[in-house]
C-alpha cells in the first residue's frame, strides 16, 4: 500500500529532517578539498550547504576558516599597523580551535590506479 496526498508529504518531511543533538559534540570547520570535483558537474561548492546542515543539527559550533578567517587576519594586520582605534578587542588567542574538520570529497575505485 502506498501513502498518498498529505500522508505521503508528512512521511517525506519526516525522512528529510536533519538529526539533531541535545548537546554540542565540539567545534567544526568545513574546508574545501584541493580538487574542486563539483565544477565538472556545474555545481556550486558544497561548503555552504554543509555548514547549514551542521548548524541545524545543533551538534557542532562552526568555526569559519574561509572568508571569515581572512577577514580576521586583515583586522589583526590593521591593528598591528596602528590603523584601528585604540582599545579595539583584536588580538591573539581569540580564535576557537576546531575539534573536527569536514572536507567534502568523493572517493571512487579506480582500477587503473597503482
Protein backbone atom coordinates (compact mmCIF):
# COMPACT_ATOMS: atom_id res chain seq x y z
CA UNK A 1 0.00 0.00 0.00
CA UNK A 2 1.39 3.40 -0.97
CA UNK A 3 0.79 6.57 1.04
CA UNK A 4 -0.82 9.34 -0.97
CA UNK A 5 -1.64 13.01 -0.51
CA UNK A 6 -0.84 14.64 2.81
CA UNK A 7 0.21 11.33 4.38
CA UNK A 8 2.94 10.89 1.77
CA UNK A 9 4.06 14.51 2.23
CA UNK A 10 4.27 14.03 6.00
CA UNK A 11 6.32 10.86 5.52
CA UNK A 12 8.72 12.65 3.14
CA UNK A 13 9.14 15.50 5.62
CA UNK A 14 9.95 13.04 8.42
CA UNK A 15 12.60 11.32 6.32
CA UNK A 16 14.24 14.57 5.22
CA UNK A 17 14.75 16.03 8.71
CA UNK A 18 18.31 16.55 9.85
CA UNK A 19 19.13 14.60 13.02
CA UNK A 20 19.83 16.89 15.97
CA UNK A 21 21.90 16.67 19.14
CA UNK A 22 20.84 17.58 22.67
CA UNK A 23 24.31 18.98 23.39
CA UNK A 24 27.31 20.11 21.36
CA UNK A 25 29.90 17.49 20.39
CA UNK A 26 32.57 20.09 19.66
CA UNK A 27 33.70 22.69 17.16
CA UNK A 28 33.93 22.01 13.44
CA UNK A 29 35.42 23.68 10.42
CA UNK A 30 34.34 22.94 6.83
CA UNK A 31 37.24 23.04 4.36
CA UNK A 32 37.10 22.77 0.59
CA UNK A 33 39.12 19.86 -0.85
CA UNK A 34 42.08 20.56 -3.10
CA UNK A 35 40.27 19.20 -6.16
CA UNK A 36 37.02 21.01 -6.83
CA UNK A 37 35.13 17.94 -8.10
CA UNK A 38 31.77 19.74 -8.24
CA UNK A 39 32.89 22.07 -11.06
CA UNK A 40 32.74 19.26 -13.66
CA UNK A 41 29.06 18.79 -12.75
CA UNK A 42 28.31 22.53 -12.97
CA UNK A 43 27.57 22.62 -9.23
CA UNK A 44 28.38 25.16 -6.55
CA UNK A 45 30.73 24.36 -3.68
CA UNK A 46 29.03 22.15 -1.07
CA UNK A 47 30.63 24.17 1.74
CA UNK A 48 27.65 26.47 2.43
CA UNK A 49 25.15 23.60 2.39
CA UNK A 50 27.25 21.53 4.77
CA UNK A 51 27.53 24.49 7.13
CA UNK A 52 23.73 24.86 7.13
CA UNK A 53 23.29 21.15 7.91
CA UNK A 54 25.87 21.30 10.69
CA UNK A 55 24.25 24.39 12.21
CA UNK A 56 20.75 22.88 12.05
CA UNK A 57 21.97 19.66 13.66
CA UNK A 58 22.99 21.65 16.75
CA UNK A 59 25.82 19.14 17.22
CA UNK A 60 28.69 21.50 16.41
CA UNK A 61 29.80 25.05 16.91
CA UNK A 62 31.05 26.12 13.50
CA UNK A 63 34.34 27.96 13.16
CA UNK A 64 34.97 29.82 9.92
CA UNK A 65 38.30 29.16 8.26
CA UNK A 66 37.36 30.64 4.90
CA UNK A 67 36.41 34.24 4.28
CA UNK A 68 35.85 34.83 7.99
CA UNK A 69 39.42 33.83 8.79
CA UNK A 70 40.76 36.05 6.02
CA UNK A 71 38.74 38.99 7.39
CA UNK A 72 40.01 38.34 10.94
CA UNK A 73 43.60 38.21 9.68
CA UNK A 74 43.07 41.51 7.88
CA UNK A 75 41.72 43.07 11.09
CA UNK A 76 44.76 41.84 13.01
CA UNK A 77 47.06 43.30 10.36
CA UNK A 78 45.27 46.65 10.63
CA UNK A 79 45.54 46.53 14.42
CA UNK A 80 49.24 45.72 14.39
CA UNK A 81 49.92 48.56 11.94
CA UNK A 82 48.12 51.02 14.22
CA UNK A 83 45.24 51.67 11.81
CA UNK A 84 42.46 50.65 14.24
CA UNK A 85 41.27 52.85 17.08
CA UNK A 86 42.85 52.36 20.48
CA UNK A 87 41.18 49.83 22.74
CA UNK A 88 39.94 47.58 19.91
CA UNK A 89 39.49 44.00 21.02
CA UNK A 90 41.56 42.47 18.22
CA UNK A 91 44.48 40.30 19.22
CA UNK A 92 45.97 36.87 19.58
CA UNK A 93 44.29 33.97 21.35
CA UNK A 94 40.72 34.83 20.41
CA UNK A 95 40.02 32.14 17.82
CA UNK A 96 38.48 28.84 18.82
CA UNK A 97 40.21 25.68 17.71
CA UNK A 98 38.31 23.22 15.51
CA UNK A 99 37.88 19.79 17.09
CA UNK A 100 36.77 18.39 13.72
CA UNK A 101 37.41 19.35 10.11
CA UNK A 102 34.92 18.26 7.45
CA UNK A 103 36.30 18.02 3.91
CA UNK A 104 33.61 17.23 1.32
CA UNK A 105 35.30 14.90 -1.12
CA UNK A 106 34.42 11.99 -3.37
CA UNK A 107 36.12 8.63 -3.18
CA UNK A 108 35.97 6.21 -6.04
CA UNK A 109 37.56 2.95 -7.03
CA UNK A 110 39.98 3.37 -9.90
CA UNK A 111 41.13 0.03 -11.29
CA UNK A 112 43.92 1.80 -13.20
CA UNK A 113 45.45 3.36 -10.09
CA UNK A 114 48.75 1.91 -8.85
